[in-house]
Amino acid sequence: MASKEIVSNLNKNYNVLAICDNLNPEKNILETYKLLLKKYKKVCVITTNRLSSTLMTTFDDNRIDYSNCFFIDCVSSKLMKAVSNDKVYYLPSPHALTELSLKFSSIIGKYDLVIFDNLDSLLLYNSEVFVLRFLNSIMSRVQQKKIKALYWIMLEGKKKIVSDISLFVDSTVLVK
């Protein structure tokens, strides 16, 4: 199962890219979250494609304990007035990669694992070149701090950018 392969790869590597090659990866993603949130004590989830409140509801519905999570939400502020708190930091939009990078720098030492859910939305709002520079910087900091990071991306229509991102990561896992 892909989720166990992802966990295994994170045991051995700092930066792991999970490439989803199906139209409905939700089951694999949730199973992976379940395993990772049990394994790691402090997790930062950077959500770029769904509201943090929606993700928390999904976790609740699937009995996934996320009490050890901090969320950086790149979506909610575009849709509603969102006020950051001790569980969620709201970015103004998925365009705000500079602010995301600054926030990431300020919290990186506090977490064992960072999950980017997912990179597709960053590519909708930003140029490929800018996203690649951003990811290269993030991945370098992950290695320097010796923490773990998982990056989700859908393969469909993105083979070139997936190939480029694969150059920066320590390991890739194809999720079918």
N, C-alpha and C. Protein backbone atom coordinates (compact mmCIF):
# COMPACT_ATOMS: atom_id res chain seq x y z
N MET A 1 0.84 -1.19 0.00
CA MET A 1 0.00 0.00 0.00
C MET A 1 0.88 1.25 0.00
N ALA A 2 0.48 2.25 -0.75
CA ALA A 2 1.28 3.47 -0.94
C ALA A 2 1.54 4.20 0.37
N SER A 3 0.57 4.22 1.27
CA SER A 3 0.76 4.96 2.52
C SER A 3 1.92 4.38 3.34
N LYS A 4 2.04 3.07 3.37
CA LYS A 4 3.15 2.45 4.10
C LYS A 4 4.48 2.73 3.41
N GLU A 5 4.46 2.77 2.08
CA GLU A 5 5.67 3.10 1.33
C GLU A 5 6.11 4.54 1.61
N ILE A 6 5.15 5.44 1.72
CA ILE A 6 5.46 6.84 2.04
C ILE A 6 6.09 6.93 3.42
N VAL A 7 5.49 6.27 4.40
CA VAL A 7 6.04 6.27 5.77
C VAL A 7 7.45 5.70 5.78
N SER A 8 7.65 4.61 5.07
CA SER A 8 8.97 3.99 4.98
C SER A 8 9.99 4.94 4.36
N ASN A 9 9.59 5.63 3.31
CA ASN A 9 10.49 6.59 2.66
C ASN A 9 10.81 7.76 3.58
N LEU A 10 9.85 8.21 4.36
CA LEU A 10 10.11 9.30 5.31
C LEU A 10 11.04 8.85 6.43
N ASN A 11 11.04 7.57 6.76
CA ASN A 11 11.97 7.06 7.77
C ASN A 11 13.42 7.23 7.32
N LYS A 12 13.65 7.14 6.00
CA LYS A 12 15.00 7.15 5.46
C LYS A 12 15.41 8.47 4.81
N ASN A 13 14.45 9.35 4.57
CA ASN A 13 14.71 10.56 3.79
C ASN A 13 14.09 11.79 4.45
N TYR A 14 14.57 12.96 4.04
CA TYR A 14 14.01 14.21 4.55
C TYR A 14 12.82 14.69 3.72
N ASN A 15 12.99 14.75 2.40
CA ASN A 15 11.96 15.28 1.51
C ASN A 15 11.42 14.18 0.61
N VAL A 16 10.12 13.91 0.71
CA VAL A 16 9.48 12.85 -0.07
C VAL A 16 8.33 13.46 -0.88
N LEU A 17 8.32 13.16 -2.17
CA LEU A 17 7.26 13.62 -3.07
C LEU A 17 6.32 12.45 -3.34
N ALA A 18 5.05 12.62 -2.99
CA ALA A 18 4.02 11.61 -3.26
C ALA A 18 3.28 12.05 -4.52
N ILE A 19 3.42 11.28 -5.57
CA ILE A 19 2.83 11.61 -6.87
C ILE A 19 1.58 10.77 -7.06
N CYS A 20 0.44 11.42 -7.09
CA CYS A 20 -0.85 10.72 -7.24
C CYS A 20 -1.15 10.53 -8.71
N ASP A 21 -1.29 9.28 -9.11
CA ASP A 21 -1.56 8.96 -10.51
C ASP A 21 -2.95 8.35 -10.66
N ASN A 22 -3.91 8.88 -9.93
CA ASN A 22 -5.30 8.46 -10.11
C ASN A 22 -6.20 9.66 -9.87
N LEU A 23 -7.43 9.54 -10.25
CA LEU A 23 -8.34 10.69 -10.16
C LEU A 23 -8.94 10.87 -8.78
N ASN A 24 -8.88 9.84 -7.94
CA ASN A 24 -9.47 9.94 -6.60
C ASN A 24 -8.48 9.41 -5.56
N PRO A 25 -7.49 10.23 -5.20
CA PRO A 25 -6.45 9.76 -4.28
C PRO A 25 -6.84 9.87 -2.81
N GLU A 26 -8.04 10.35 -2.51
CA GLU A 26 -8.43 10.69 -1.13
C GLU A 26 -8.21 9.54 -0.15
N LYS A 27 -8.54 8.31 -0.56
CA LYS A 27 -8.38 7.16 0.35
C LYS A 27 -6.91 6.99 0.74
N ASN A 28 -6.01 7.04 -0.24
CA ASN A 28 -4.58 6.91 0.06
C ASN A 28 -4.06 8.07 0.90
N ILE A 29 -4.54 9.26 0.60
CA ILE A 29 -4.10 10.43 1.35
C ILE A 29 -4.54 10.33 2.81
N LEU A 30 -5.78 9.96 3.03
CA LEU A 30 -6.28 9.83 4.41
C LEU A 30 -5.56 8.72 5.17
N GLU A 31 -5.32 7.60 4.51
CA GLU A 31 -4.59 6.50 5.16
C GLU A 31 -3.18 6.95 5.54
N THR A 32 -2.56 7.72 4.67
CA THR A 32 -1.22 8.24 4.95
C THR A 32 -1.25 9.21 6.13
N TYR A 33 -2.22 10.12 6.13
CA TYR A 33 -2.37 11.02 7.28
C TYR A 33 -2.53 10.23 8.58
N LYS A 34 -3.37 9.22 8.54
CA LYS A 34 -3.62 8.43 9.75
C LYS A 34 -2.31 7.84 10.29
N LEU A 35 -1.50 7.27 9.41
CA LEU A 35 -0.23 6.68 9.84
C LEU A 35 0.76 7.75 10.32
N LEU A 36 0.86 8.83 9.58
CA LEU A 36 1.85 9.87 9.93
C LEU A 36 1.50 10.61 11.21
N LEU A 37 0.22 10.90 11.41
CA LEU A 37 -0.17 11.64 12.61
C LEU A 37 -0.04 10.80 13.87
N LYS A 38 -0.03 9.48 13.71
CA LYS A 38 0.26 8.60 14.85
C LYS A 38 1.76 8.54 15.12
N LYS A 39 2.55 8.54 14.06
CA LYS A 39 3.99 8.35 14.17
C LYS A 39 4.74 9.60 14.65
N TYR A 40 4.35 10.76 14.16
CA TYR A 40 5.07 12.00 14.47
C TYR A 40 4.37 12.79 15.57
N LYS A 41 5.17 13.35 16.48
CA LYS A 41 4.61 14.06 17.64
C LYS A 41 4.08 15.44 17.29
N LYS A 42 4.79 16.16 16.42
CA LYS A 42 4.40 17.53 16.06
C LYS A 42 4.43 17.66 14.54
N VAL A 43 3.25 17.95 13.98
CA VAL A 43 3.09 17.99 12.53
C VAL A 43 2.54 19.34 12.10
N CYS A 44 3.12 19.89 11.06
CA CYS A 44 2.60 21.11 10.44
C CYS A 44 2.02 20.73 9.08
N VAL A 45 0.75 21.03 8.88
CA VAL A 45 0.08 20.74 7.61
C VAL A 45 -0.13 22.07 6.89
N ILE A 46 0.45 22.18 5.71
CA ILE A 46 0.27 23.37 4.89
C ILE A 46 -0.75 23.01 3.82
N THR A 47 -1.95 23.56 3.96
CA THR A 47 -3.02 23.21 3.04
C THR A 47 -3.22 24.33 2.02
N THR A 48 -3.05 23.96 0.75
CA THR A 48 -3.15 24.95 -0.32
C THR A 48 -4.35 24.73 -1.22
N ASN A 49 -5.09 23.64 -0.98
CA ASN A 49 -6.20 23.35 -1.89
C ASN A 49 -7.55 23.17 -1.19
N ARG A 50 -7.57 23.15 0.13
CA ARG A 50 -8.85 23.06 0.84
C ARG A 50 -8.74 23.80 2.17
N LEU A 51 -9.88 24.19 2.67
CA LEU A 51 -9.92 24.91 3.93
C LEU A 51 -9.41 24.01 5.06
N SER A 52 -8.70 24.59 6.00
CA SER A 52 -8.24 23.80 7.15
C SER A 52 -9.43 23.23 7.91
N SER A 53 -10.52 24.00 8.00
CA SER A 53 -11.72 23.51 8.70
C SER A 53 -12.31 22.29 7.99
N THR A 54 -12.27 22.28 6.67
CA THR A 54 -12.75 21.12 5.91
C THR A 54 -11.86 19.91 6.15
N LEU A 55 -10.55 20.15 6.17
CA LEU A 55 -9.61 19.06 6.43
C LEU A 55 -9.82 18.49 7.84
N MET A 56 -10.02 19.36 8.82
CA MET A 56 -10.27 18.90 10.20
C MET A 56 -11.57 18.09 10.27
N THR A 57 -12.60 18.53 9.58
CA THR A 57 -13.86 17.78 9.55
C THR A 57 -13.65 16.41 8.91
N THR A 58 -12.88 16.37 7.84
CA THR A 58 -12.57 15.09 7.19
C THR A 58 -11.81 14.18 8.15
N PHE A 59 -10.86 14.74 8.89
CA PHE A 59 -10.14 13.95 9.89
C PHE A 59 -11.11 13.43 10.95
N ASP A 60 -11.98 14.28 11.45
CA ASP A 60 -12.97 13.86 12.45
C ASP A 60 -13.84 12.73 11.90
N ASP A 61 -14.33 12.89 10.68
CA ASP A 61 -15.20 11.88 10.06
C ASP A 61 -14.51 10.54 9.89
N ASN A 62 -13.18 10.57 9.75
CA ASN A 62 -12.41 9.34 9.54
C ASN A 62 -11.63 8.92 10.78
N ARG A 63 -11.99 9.51 11.91
CA ARG A 63 -11.38 9.19 13.21
C ARG A 63 -9.84 9.30 13.18
N ILE A 64 -9.38 10.39 12.61
CA ILE A 64 -7.95 10.67 12.57
C ILE A 64 -7.67 11.77 13.60
N ASP A 65 -6.82 11.44 14.57
CA ASP A 65 -6.49 12.39 15.63
C ASP A 65 -5.48 13.41 15.09
N TYR A 66 -5.85 14.66 15.09
CA TYR A 66 -4.98 15.73 14.60
C TYR A 66 -4.62 16.71 15.71
N SER A 67 -4.69 16.27 16.94
CA SER A 67 -4.39 17.16 18.08
C SER A 67 -2.93 17.61 18.09
N ASN A 68 -2.06 16.88 17.39
CA ASN A 68 -0.65 17.22 17.32
C ASN A 68 -0.31 18.06 16.08
N CYS A 69 -1.33 18.61 15.42
CA CYS A 69 -1.14 19.35 14.17
C CYS A 69 -1.29 20.85 14.35
N PHE A 70 -0.51 21.55 13.56
CA PHE A 70 -0.67 22.98 13.35
C PHE A 70 -0.90 23.16 11.85
N PHE A 71 -1.86 23.98 11.48
CA PHE A 71 -2.21 24.15 10.07
C PHE A 71 -1.80 25.54 9.58
N ILE A 72 -1.23 25.57 8.41
CA ILE A 72 -1.05 26.82 7.69
C ILE A 72 -2.01 26.74 6.51
N ASP A 73 -3.02 27.58 6.55
CA ASP A 73 -4.13 27.55 5.60
C ASP A 73 -3.93 28.65 4.56
N CYS A 74 -3.74 28.25 3.31
CA CYS A 74 -3.51 29.21 2.22
C CYS A 74 -4.78 29.55 1.46
N VAL A 75 -5.92 29.00 1.87
CA VAL A 75 -7.15 29.10 1.09
C VAL A 75 -8.24 29.92 1.78
N SER A 76 -8.48 29.70 3.05
CA SER A 76 -9.65 30.25 3.74
C SER A 76 -9.78 31.76 3.64
N SER A 77 -8.67 32.48 3.73
CA SER A 77 -8.73 33.95 3.72
C SER A 77 -9.26 34.51 2.41
N LYS A 78 -9.16 33.73 1.34
CA LYS A 78 -9.73 34.17 0.06
C LYS A 78 -11.25 34.07 0.07
N LEU A 79 -11.78 33.22 0.93
CA LEU A 79 -13.22 32.94 0.93
C LEU A 79 -13.98 33.58 2.08
N MET A 80 -13.27 33.88 3.17
CA MET A 80 -13.95 34.42 4.35
C MET A 80 -12.94 35.15 5.23
N LYS A 81 -13.44 35.89 6.18
CA LYS A 81 -12.55 36.54 7.14
C LYS A 81 -12.08 35.46 8.12
N ALA A 82 -10.79 35.25 8.14
CA ALA A 82 -10.23 34.20 8.99
C ALA A 82 -9.22 34.82 9.95
N VAL A 83 -9.31 34.45 11.21
CA VAL A 83 -8.42 34.97 12.24
C VAL A 83 -7.53 33.83 12.72
N SER A 84 -6.22 34.02 12.62
CA SER A 84 -5.27 33.00 13.05
C SER A 84 -5.40 32.75 14.54
N ASN A 85 -5.09 31.51 14.95
CA ASN A 85 -5.12 31.13 16.36
C ASN A 85 -4.00 30.14 16.63
N ASP A 86 -4.01 29.46 17.77
CA ASP A 86 -2.91 28.56 18.12
C ASP A 86 -2.91 27.26 17.32
N LYS A 87 -3.95 26.97 16.56
CA LYS A 87 -4.02 25.75 15.73
C LYS A 87 -3.88 26.03 14.24
N VAL A 88 -4.22 27.27 13.83
CA VAL A 88 -4.24 27.59 12.40
C VAL A 88 -3.68 28.99 12.15
N TYR A 89 -2.79 29.07 11.18
CA TYR A 89 -2.31 30.36 10.69
C TYR A 89 -2.88 30.53 9.29
N TYR A 90 -3.55 31.64 9.04
CA TYR A 90 -4.18 31.89 7.74
C TYR A 90 -3.32 32.83 6.90
N LEU A 91 -2.91 32.35 5.74
CA LEU A 91 -2.23 33.20 4.77
C LEU A 91 -3.27 33.96 3.96
N PRO A 92 -2.93 35.10 3.39
CA PRO A 92 -3.91 35.84 2.61
C PRO A 92 -4.39 35.10 1.36
N SER A 93 -3.51 34.32 0.73
CA SER A 93 -3.89 33.58 -0.47
C SER A 93 -2.78 32.61 -0.86
N PRO A 94 -3.06 31.70 -1.79
CA PRO A 94 -2.01 30.81 -2.29
C PRO A 94 -0.95 31.55 -3.11
N HIS A 95 -1.21 32.81 -3.48
CA HIS A 95 -0.21 33.64 -4.16
C HIS A 95 0.92 34.03 -3.22
N ALA A 96 0.68 34.02 -1.94
CA ALA A 96 1.59 34.61 -0.95
C ALA A 96 2.74 33.67 -0.59
N LEU A 97 3.53 33.28 -1.58
CA LEU A 97 4.64 32.35 -1.31
C LEU A 97 5.73 32.99 -0.45
N THR A 98 5.94 34.27 -0.60
CA THR A 98 6.94 34.93 0.25
C THR A 98 6.51 34.88 1.71
N GLU A 99 5.24 35.18 1.97
CA GLU A 99 4.74 35.11 3.35
C GLU A 99 4.75 33.67 3.86
N LEU A 100 4.41 32.72 2.99
CA LEU A 100 4.46 31.31 3.39
C LEU A 100 5.89 30.91 3.74
N SER A 101 6.84 31.35 2.95
CA SER A 101 8.25 31.06 3.22
C SER A 101 8.69 31.65 4.56
N LEU A 102 8.28 32.89 4.84
CA LEU A 102 8.63 33.52 6.12
C LEU A 102 8.00 32.79 7.29
N LYS A 103 6.73 32.42 7.16
CA LYS A 103 6.05 31.68 8.23
C LYS A 103 6.72 30.33 8.43
N PHE A 104 7.03 29.66 7.33
CA PHE A 104 7.71 28.37 7.39
C PHE A 104 9.04 28.50 8.15
N SER A 105 9.80 29.53 7.83
CA SER A 105 11.08 29.76 8.52
C SER A 105 10.90 29.96 10.01
N SER A 106 9.81 30.60 10.40
CA SER A 106 9.60 30.89 11.82
C SER A 106 9.14 29.67 12.62
N ILE A 107 8.61 28.66 11.95
CA ILE A 107 8.06 27.50 12.68
C ILE A 107 8.82 26.20 12.43
N ILE A 108 9.74 26.18 11.49
CA ILE A 108 10.34 24.92 11.04
C ILE A 108 10.97 24.11 12.17
N GLY A 109 11.59 24.74 13.13
CA GLY A 109 12.24 24.01 14.21
C GLY A 109 11.29 23.40 15.22
N LYS A 110 10.01 23.75 15.15
CA LYS A 110 9.03 23.28 16.13
C LYS A 110 8.35 21.98 15.74
N TYR A 111 8.57 21.50 14.52
CA TYR A 111 7.81 20.34 14.03
C TYR A 111 8.74 19.24 13.53
N ASP A 112 8.27 18.00 13.69
CA ASP A 112 9.02 16.83 13.22
C ASP A 112 8.72 16.54 11.76
N LEU A 113 7.52 16.93 11.33
CA LEU A 113 7.05 16.62 9.98
C LEU A 113 6.24 17.80 9.45
N VAL A 114 6.46 18.10 8.17
CA VAL A 114 5.66 19.10 7.46
C VAL A 114 5.02 18.39 6.27
N ILE A 115 3.71 18.62 6.10
CA ILE A 115 2.99 18.03 4.97
C ILE A 115 2.43 19.15 4.11
N PHE A 116 2.79 19.16 2.83
CA PHE A 116 2.22 20.10 1.87
C PHE A 116 1.07 19.42 1.15
N ASP A 117 -0.14 19.88 1.41
CA ASP A 117 -1.36 19.28 0.85
C ASP A 117 -2.10 20.34 0.02
N ASN A 118 -1.91 20.42 -1.18
CA ASN A 118 -0.94 19.84 -2.07
C ASN A 118 -0.33 20.89 -2.98
N LEU A 119 0.66 20.49 -3.78
CA LEU A 119 1.40 21.45 -4.59
C LEU A 119 0.61 21.95 -5.79
N ASP A 120 -0.40 21.21 -6.21
CA ASP A 120 -1.18 21.59 -7.40
C ASP A 120 -1.72 23.01 -7.30
N SER A 121 -2.25 23.38 -6.16
CA SER A 121 -2.84 24.71 -6.01
C SER A 121 -1.79 25.81 -6.08
N LEU A 122 -0.60 25.54 -5.57
CA LEU A 122 0.46 26.54 -5.71
C LEU A 122 0.74 26.82 -7.18
N LEU A 123 0.66 25.77 -7.99
CA LEU A 123 0.92 25.91 -9.42
C LEU A 123 -0.21 26.63 -10.15
N LEU A 124 -1.40 26.62 -9.60
CA LEU A 124 -2.52 27.36 -10.19
C LEU A 124 -2.35 28.86 -10.00
N TYR A 125 -1.77 29.25 -8.88
CA TYR A 125 -1.69 30.66 -8.50
C TYR A 125 -0.33 31.31 -8.73
N ASN A 126 0.68 30.51 -9.05
CA ASN A 126 2.04 31.02 -9.19
C ASN A 126 2.71 30.38 -10.40
N SER A 127 3.71 31.04 -10.93
CA SER A 127 4.43 30.48 -12.08
C SER A 127 5.23 29.25 -11.64
N GLU A 128 5.47 28.35 -12.60
CA GLU A 128 6.25 27.14 -12.30
C GLU A 128 7.63 27.50 -11.78
N VAL A 129 8.26 28.49 -12.40
CA VAL A 129 9.61 28.89 -11.99
C VAL A 129 9.62 29.37 -10.54
N PHE A 130 8.64 30.18 -10.17
CA PHE A 130 8.56 30.70 -8.81
C PHE A 130 8.30 29.56 -7.82
N VAL A 131 7.41 28.63 -8.17
CA VAL A 131 7.12 27.49 -7.29
C VAL A 131 8.36 26.61 -7.14
N LEU A 132 9.08 26.38 -8.22
CA LEU A 132 10.30 25.56 -8.14
C LEU A 132 11.35 26.22 -7.24
N ARG A 133 11.53 27.52 -7.36
CA ARG A 133 12.47 28.23 -6.48
C ARG A 133 12.04 28.13 -5.02
N PHE A 134 10.74 28.34 -4.80
CA PHE A 134 10.18 28.25 -3.46
C PHE A 134 10.43 26.86 -2.87
N LEU A 135 10.10 25.81 -3.63
CA LEU A 135 10.27 24.44 -3.14
C LEU A 135 11.73 24.10 -2.90
N ASN A 136 12.61 24.54 -3.77
CA ASN A 136 14.03 24.29 -3.58
C ASN A 136 14.50 24.90 -2.26
N SER A 137 14.06 26.11 -1.98
CA SER A 137 14.41 26.78 -0.72
C SER A 137 13.84 26.03 0.48
N ILE A 138 12.57 25.66 0.41
CA ILE A 138 11.91 24.93 1.51
C ILE A 138 12.62 23.61 1.76
N MET A 139 12.89 22.88 0.69
CA MET A 139 13.51 21.55 0.83
C MET A 139 14.92 21.65 1.40
N SER A 140 15.65 22.69 1.04
CA SER A 140 16.99 22.89 1.62
C SER A 140 16.90 23.13 3.12
N ARG A 141 15.92 23.94 3.54
CA ARG A 141 15.75 24.21 4.97
C ARG A 141 15.32 22.96 5.73
N VAL A 142 14.48 22.14 5.11
CA VAL A 142 14.07 20.87 5.73
C VAL A 142 15.30 20.01 6.00
N GLN A 143 16.18 19.90 5.01
CA GLN A 143 17.39 19.09 5.19
C GLN A 143 18.32 19.69 6.24
N GLN A 144 18.47 21.00 6.24
CA GLN A 144 19.34 21.65 7.23
C GLN A 144 18.85 21.40 8.65
N LYS A 145 17.54 21.45 8.85
CA LYS A 145 16.96 21.25 10.18
C LYS A 145 16.77 19.78 10.52
N LYS A 146 17.01 18.91 9.54
CA LYS A 146 16.88 17.46 9.73
C LYS A 146 15.48 17.05 10.19
N ILE A 147 14.47 17.68 9.57
CA ILE A 147 13.10 17.26 9.82
C ILE A 147 12.61 16.52 8.58
N LYS A 148 11.37 16.11 8.58
CA LYS A 148 10.79 15.37 7.46
C LYS A 148 9.73 16.23 6.78
N ALA A 149 9.59 16.04 5.46
CA ALA A 149 8.55 16.77 4.73
C ALA A 149 7.98 15.88 3.63
N LEU A 150 6.67 15.93 3.51
CA LEU A 150 5.94 15.19 2.48
C LEU A 150 5.21 16.21 1.61
N TYR A 151 5.35 16.03 0.31
CA TYR A 151 4.72 16.94 -0.66
C TYR A 151 3.81 16.11 -1.56
N TRP A 152 2.52 16.44 -1.59
CA TRP A 152 1.55 15.75 -2.46
C TRP A 152 1.41 16.53 -3.76
N ILE A 153 1.31 15.79 -4.88
CA ILE A 153 1.01 16.42 -6.17
C ILE A 153 0.28 15.42 -7.05
N MET A 154 -0.64 15.92 -7.86
CA MET A 154 -1.34 15.08 -8.85
C MET A 154 -0.49 15.07 -10.12
N LEU A 155 -0.32 13.89 -10.71
CA LEU A 155 0.52 13.74 -11.90
C LEU A 155 -0.16 14.27 -13.16
N GLU A 156 -1.45 14.08 -13.27
CA GLU A 156 -2.17 14.38 -14.51
C GLU A 156 -1.88 15.79 -15.03
N GLY A 157 -1.32 15.85 -16.23
CA GLY A 157 -1.03 17.12 -16.88
C GLY A 157 0.17 17.86 -16.33
N LYS A 158 0.94 17.23 -15.45
CA LYS A 158 2.06 17.93 -14.80
C LYS A 158 3.35 17.13 -14.85
N LYS A 159 3.52 16.30 -15.86
CA LYS A 159 4.71 15.43 -15.89
C LYS A 159 6.02 16.22 -15.87
N LYS A 160 6.07 17.34 -16.58
CA LYS A 160 7.31 18.14 -16.62
C LYS A 160 7.63 18.72 -15.25
N ILE A 161 6.67 19.38 -14.62
CA ILE A 161 6.93 19.99 -13.30
C ILE A 161 7.21 18.92 -12.25
N VAL A 162 6.52 17.78 -12.33
CA VAL A 162 6.78 16.67 -11.40
C VAL A 162 8.22 16.19 -11.58
N SER A 163 8.65 16.09 -12.83
CA SER A 163 10.03 15.69 -13.11
C SER A 163 11.01 16.71 -12.53
N ASP A 164 10.70 17.99 -12.66
CA ASP A 164 11.57 19.04 -12.11
C ASP A 164 11.61 18.98 -10.58
N ILE A 165 10.46 18.84 -9.95
CA ILE A 165 10.41 18.77 -8.48
C ILE A 165 11.15 17.53 -7.99
N SER A 166 11.05 16.44 -8.74
CA SER A 166 11.71 15.19 -8.35
C SER A 166 13.22 15.35 -8.22
N LEU A 167 13.78 16.32 -8.91
CA LEU A 167 15.23 16.57 -8.81
C LEU A 167 15.63 17.09 -7.43
N PHE A 168 14.71 17.76 -6.73
CA PHE A 168 15.01 18.36 -5.43
C PHE A 168 14.79 17.41 -4.26
N VAL A 169 13.90 16.44 -4.40
CA VAL A 169 13.52 15.59 -3.27
C VAL A 169 14.49 14.42 -3.11
N ASP A 170 14.45 13.80 -1.95
CA ASP A 170 15.28 12.63 -1.69
C ASP A 170 14.66 11.36 -2.25
N SER A 171 13.32 11.37 -2.34
CA SER A 171 12.61 10.15 -2.73
C SER A 171 11.25 10.52 -3.31
N THR A 172 10.77 9.69 -4.24
CA THR A 172 9.42 9.85 -4.77
C THR A 172 8.65 8.55 -4.59
N VAL A 173 7.35 8.69 -4.39
CA VAL A 173 6.46 7.52 -4.28
C VAL A 173 5.30 7.75 -5.24
N LEU A 174 5.06 6.79 -6.11
CA LEU A 174 3.93 6.87 -7.03
C LEU A 174 2.72 6.24 -6.35
N VAL A 175 1.66 7.02 -6.20
CA VAL A 175 0.43 6.57 -5.54
C VAL A 175 -0.59 6.28 -6.62
N LYS A 176 -0.95 5.01 -6.77
CA LYS A 176 -1.92 4.62 -7.82
C LYS A 176 -3.29 4.44 -7.23
